[in-house]
Amino acid sequence: MLRALETCLYADDLALAEPFYTEVLGLTLHSKVAGRHLFYQLEGSMLLIFSPAGLAQTNGVPSHSGKAGGHACLAIARDQTDGWEARLISHGLEVTRYAWGDRGESLYFHDPAGNVLELAPPSIWGILDA
């Protein structure tokens, strides 16, 4: 079975995106190129944040294209939902909590670029928490 290795989002202002992803979400920065990208290491995959204006610097890699306004869901354990909600709210984020019946709950919020982020347990898709 295939699994996602990379997820790409876009942000016009990487200087604003970096503290959000490192401090608010606590992700580990893998690498960055000023004005082009921020790459974050997740468990078993990567989250790539590209600046649309900086994508002319391809270094031989086929160019990515996009704009802010995407969506990504990051997995959390069911018992972490309340803690994550409190953390996000403490950083001034507006959080929408949505229940998927007995499968768990999602937390939806926006990053500084306007991308819709979601934190949810894998059980919302019937996948057992690892």
C-alpha atoms as a PDB file:
ATOM      1  CA  MET A   1       0.000   0.000   0.000  1.00  0.00           C
ATOM      2  CA  LEU A   2       1.223   3.495  -0.771  1.00  0.00           C
ATOM      3  CA  ARG A   3       1.491   6.145   1.935  1.00  0.00           C
ATOM      4  CA  ALA A   4       1.999   9.882   1.748  1.00  0.00           C
ATOM      5  CA  LEU A   5       5.670  10.828   1.901  1.00  0.00           C
ATOM      6  CA  GLU A   6       5.276  14.576   1.356  1.00  0.00           C
ATOM      7  CA  THR A   7       2.479  17.055   1.848  1.00  0.00           C
ATOM      8  CA  CYS A   8       2.867  20.506   0.260  1.00  0.00           C
ATOM      9  CA  LEU A   9       1.306  23.753   1.390  1.00  0.00           C
ATOM     10  CA  TYR A  10       2.018  27.269   0.184  1.00  0.00           C
ATOM     11  CA  ALA A  11       2.695  30.498   2.074  1.00  0.00           C
ATOM     12  CA  ASP A  12       3.531  33.905   0.645  1.00  0.00           C
ATOM     13  CA  ASP A  13       5.398  34.916   3.830  1.00  0.00           C
ATOM     14  CA  LEU A  14       7.760  32.169   5.016  1.00  0.00           C
ATOM     15  CA  ALA A  15       9.093  34.435   7.785  1.00  0.00           C
ATOM     16  CA  LEU A  16       5.585  34.438   9.262  1.00  0.00           C
ATOM     17  CA  ALA A  17       5.016  30.723   8.600  1.00  0.00           C
ATOM     18  CA  GLU A  18       8.213  29.509  10.265  1.00  0.00           C
ATOM     19  CA  PRO A  19       7.430  30.513  13.869  1.00  0.00           C
ATOM     20  CA  PHE A  20       3.881  29.223  13.467  1.00  0.00           C
ATOM     21  CA  TYR A  21       4.995  25.747  12.428  1.00  0.00           C
ATOM     22  CA  THR A  22       7.977  25.539  14.802  1.00  0.00           C
ATOM     23  CA  GLU A  23       6.590  27.268  17.903  1.00  0.00           C
ATOM     24  CA  VAL A  24       2.811  26.851  17.752  1.00  0.00           C
ATOM     25  CA  LEU A  25       2.747  23.342  16.265  1.00  0.00           C
ATOM     26  CA  GLY A  26       6.162  22.327  17.610  1.00  0.00           C
ATOM     27  CA  LEU A  27       7.346  20.761  14.347  1.00  0.00           C
ATOM     28  CA  THR A  28      11.010  20.056  13.675  1.00  0.00           C
ATOM     29  CA  LEU A  29      12.503  22.150  10.887  1.00  0.00           C
ATOM     30  CA  HIS A  30      14.445  19.865   8.555  1.00  0.00           C
ATOM     31  CA  SER A  31      15.764  22.522   6.169  1.00  0.00           C
ATOM     32  CA  LYS A  32      14.951  25.864   4.635  1.00  0.00           C
ATOM     33  CA  VAL A  33      15.976  28.137   1.810  1.00  0.00           C
ATOM     34  CA  ALA A  34      15.131  31.767   2.466  1.00  0.00           C
ATOM     35  CA  GLY A  35      12.332  32.972   0.209  1.00  0.00           C
ATOM     36  CA  ARG A  36      11.758  29.487  -1.258  1.00  0.00           C
ATOM     37  CA  HIS A  37      10.762  26.822   1.274  1.00  0.00           C
ATOM     38  CA  LEU A  38      10.519  25.411   4.779  1.00  0.00           C
ATOM     39  CA  PHE A  39      10.716  21.620   5.117  1.00  0.00           C
ATOM     40  CA  TYR A  40       9.447  20.004   8.330  1.00  0.00           C
ATOM     41  CA  GLN A  41      10.029  16.432   9.413  1.00  0.00           C
ATOM     42  CA  LEU A  42       6.973  14.562  10.617  1.00  0.00           C
ATOM     43  CA  GLU A  43       6.736  10.981  11.804  1.00  0.00           C
ATOM     44  CA  GLY A  44       7.361   9.017   8.613  1.00  0.00           C
ATOM     45  CA  SER A  45       6.778  11.909   6.203  1.00  0.00           C
ATOM     46  CA  MET A  46       7.596  15.526   5.386  1.00  0.00           C
ATOM     47  CA  LEU A  47       5.554  18.722   5.380  1.00  0.00           C
ATOM     48  CA  LEU A  48       6.794  21.109   2.690  1.00  0.00           C
ATOM     49  CA  ILE A  49       5.864  24.797   2.846  1.00  0.00           C
ATOM     50  CA  PHE A  50       6.724  26.591  -0.405  1.00  0.00           C
ATOM     51  CA  SER A  51       6.648  30.269  -1.267  1.00  0.00           C
ATOM     52  CA  PRO A  52       4.897  30.550  -4.647  1.00  0.00           C
ATOM     53  CA  ALA A  53       7.173  33.480  -5.562  1.00  0.00           C
ATOM     54  CA  GLY A  54      10.295  31.458  -4.776  1.00  0.00           C
ATOM     55  CA  LEU A  55       9.469  28.441  -6.880  1.00  0.00           C
ATOM     56  CA  ALA A  56      11.497  29.692  -9.828  1.00  0.00           C
ATOM     57  CA  GLN A  57      14.504  28.256  -7.958  1.00  0.00           C
ATOM     58  CA  THR A  58      13.938  24.640  -8.987  1.00  0.00           C
ATOM     59  CA  ASN A  59      17.514  23.305  -8.977  1.00  0.00           C
ATOM     60  CA  GLY A  60      16.466  20.778 -11.611  1.00  0.00           C
ATOM     61  CA  VAL A  61      13.452  19.486  -9.683  1.00  0.00           C
ATOM     62  CA  PRO A  62      10.160  19.819 -11.575  1.00  0.00           C
ATOM     63  CA  SER A  63       8.545  22.992 -10.306  1.00  0.00           C
ATOM     64  CA  HIS A  64       5.679  22.879  -7.852  1.00  0.00           C
ATOM     65  CA  SER A  65       2.880  25.339  -8.236  1.00  0.00           C
ATOM     66  CA  GLY A  66       0.166  26.411  -5.926  1.00  0.00           C
ATOM     67  CA  LYS A  67      -1.095  29.088  -3.646  1.00  0.00           C
ATOM     68  CA  ALA A  68      -2.132  29.427  -0.050  1.00  0.00           C
ATOM     69  CA  GLY A  69      -5.528  28.006   0.785  1.00  0.00           C
ATOM     70  CA  GLY A  70      -4.703  24.306   0.895  1.00  0.00           C
ATOM     71  CA  HIS A  71      -5.510  21.738   3.554  1.00  0.00           C
ATOM     72  CA  ALA A  72      -3.465  19.250   5.549  1.00  0.00           C
ATOM     73  CA  CYS A  73      -4.438  16.981   8.413  1.00  0.00           C
ATOM     74  CA  LEU A  74      -1.831  15.928  10.968  1.00  0.00           C
ATOM     75  CA  ALA A  75      -2.414  12.873  13.144  1.00  0.00           C
ATOM     76  CA  ILE A  76      -2.722  13.104  16.910  1.00  0.00           C
ATOM     77  CA  ALA A  77      -3.804  10.541  19.496  1.00  0.00           C
ATOM     78  CA  ARG A  78      -7.439  10.739  20.605  1.00  0.00           C
ATOM     79  CA  ASP A  79      -6.411  11.594  24.153  1.00  0.00           C
ATOM     80  CA  GLN A  80      -4.446  14.627  22.901  1.00  0.00           C
ATOM     81  CA  THR A  81      -7.425  16.479  21.399  1.00  0.00           C
ATOM     82  CA  ASP A  82      -8.242  18.560  24.487  1.00  0.00           C
ATOM     83  CA  GLY A  83      -4.600  19.473  25.079  1.00  0.00           C
ATOM     84  CA  TRP A  84      -4.054  20.518  21.466  1.00  0.00           C
ATOM     85  CA  GLU A  85      -7.236  22.571  21.469  1.00  0.00           C
ATOM     86  CA  ALA A  86      -6.074  24.432  24.585  1.00  0.00           C
ATOM     87  CA  ARG A  87      -2.613  24.987  23.082  1.00  0.00           C
ATOM     88  CA  LEU A  88      -3.988  26.376  19.820  1.00  0.00           C
ATOM     89  CA  ILE A  89      -6.420  28.689  21.609  1.00  0.00           C
ATOM     90  CA  SER A  90      -3.610  29.902  23.900  1.00  0.00           C
ATOM     91  CA  HIS A  91      -1.787  31.032  20.738  1.00  0.00           C
ATOM     92  CA  GLY A  92      -4.826  33.087  19.711  1.00  0.00           C
ATOM     93  CA  LEU A  93      -6.140  30.702  17.066  1.00  0.00           C
ATOM     94  CA  GLU A  94      -9.804  30.199  16.334  1.00  0.00           C
ATOM     95  CA  VAL A  95     -10.438  26.455  16.534  1.00  0.00           C
ATOM     96  CA  THR A  96     -13.427  24.538  15.203  1.00  0.00           C
ATOM     97  CA  ARG A  97     -13.945  21.164  16.848  1.00  0.00           C
ATOM     98  CA  TYR A  98     -15.865  18.611  14.797  1.00  0.00           C
ATOM     99  CA  ALA A  99     -17.001  15.178  16.004  1.00  0.00           C
ATOM    100  CA  TRP A 100     -16.978  12.232  13.597  1.00  0.00           C
ATOM    101  CA  GLY A 101     -19.394  10.121  15.621  1.00  0.00           C
ATOM    102  CA  ASP A 102     -17.548   7.552  17.723  1.00  0.00           C
ATOM    103  CA  ARG A 103     -14.471   7.703  15.442  1.00  0.00           C
ATOM    104  CA  GLY A 104     -12.974  10.784  17.111  1.00  0.00           C
ATOM    105  CA  GLU A 105     -12.838  14.547  16.752  1.00  0.00           C
ATOM    106  CA  SER A 106     -10.986  16.936  14.472  1.00  0.00           C
ATOM    107  CA  LEU A 107      -9.595  20.352  15.309  1.00  0.00           C
ATOM    108  CA  TYR A 108      -9.650  22.795  12.390  1.00  0.00           C
ATOM    109  CA  PHE A 109      -7.730  26.089  12.306  1.00  0.00           C
ATOM    110  CA  HIS A 110      -5.837  28.334   9.876  1.00  0.00           C
ATOM    111  CA  ASP A 111      -2.124  28.965   9.545  1.00  0.00           C
ATOM    112  CA  PRO A 112      -0.926  32.540   8.919  1.00  0.00           C
ATOM    113  CA  ALA A 113      -1.116  32.003   5.123  1.00  0.00           C
ATOM    114  CA  GLY A 114      -4.760  30.901   5.206  1.00  0.00           C
ATOM    115  CA  ASN A 115      -4.198  27.160   4.794  1.00  0.00           C
ATOM    116  CA  VAL A 116      -6.746  25.054   6.685  1.00  0.00           C
ATOM    117  CA  LEU A 117      -5.003  22.717   9.088  1.00  0.00           C
ATOM    118  CA  GLU A 118      -6.598  19.831  10.900  1.00  0.00           C
ATOM    119  CA  LEU A 119      -5.431  17.742  13.832  1.00  0.00           C
ATOM    120  CA  ALA A 120      -7.256  14.436  14.195  1.00  0.00           C
ATOM    121  CA  PRO A 121      -6.768  10.853  15.315  1.00  0.00           C
ATOM    122  CA  PRO A 122      -6.341   8.326  12.480  1.00  0.00           C
ATOM    123  CA  SER A 123      -9.515   6.636  13.773  1.00  0.00           C
ATOM    124  CA  ILE A 124     -11.634   9.245  11.941  1.00  0.00           C
ATOM    125  CA  TRP A 125     -10.725   7.215   8.827  1.00  0.00           C
ATOM    126  CA  GLY A 126     -11.054   3.849  10.593  1.00  0.00           C
ATOM    127  CA  ILE A 127      -7.269   3.587  10.955  1.00  0.00           C
ATOM    128  CA  LEU A 128      -6.083   2.339  14.317  1.00  0.00           C
ATOM    129  CA  ASP A 129      -3.884   4.752  16.273  1.00  0.00           C
ATOM    130  CA  ALA A 130      -0.274   3.649  16.103  1.00  0.00           C
END
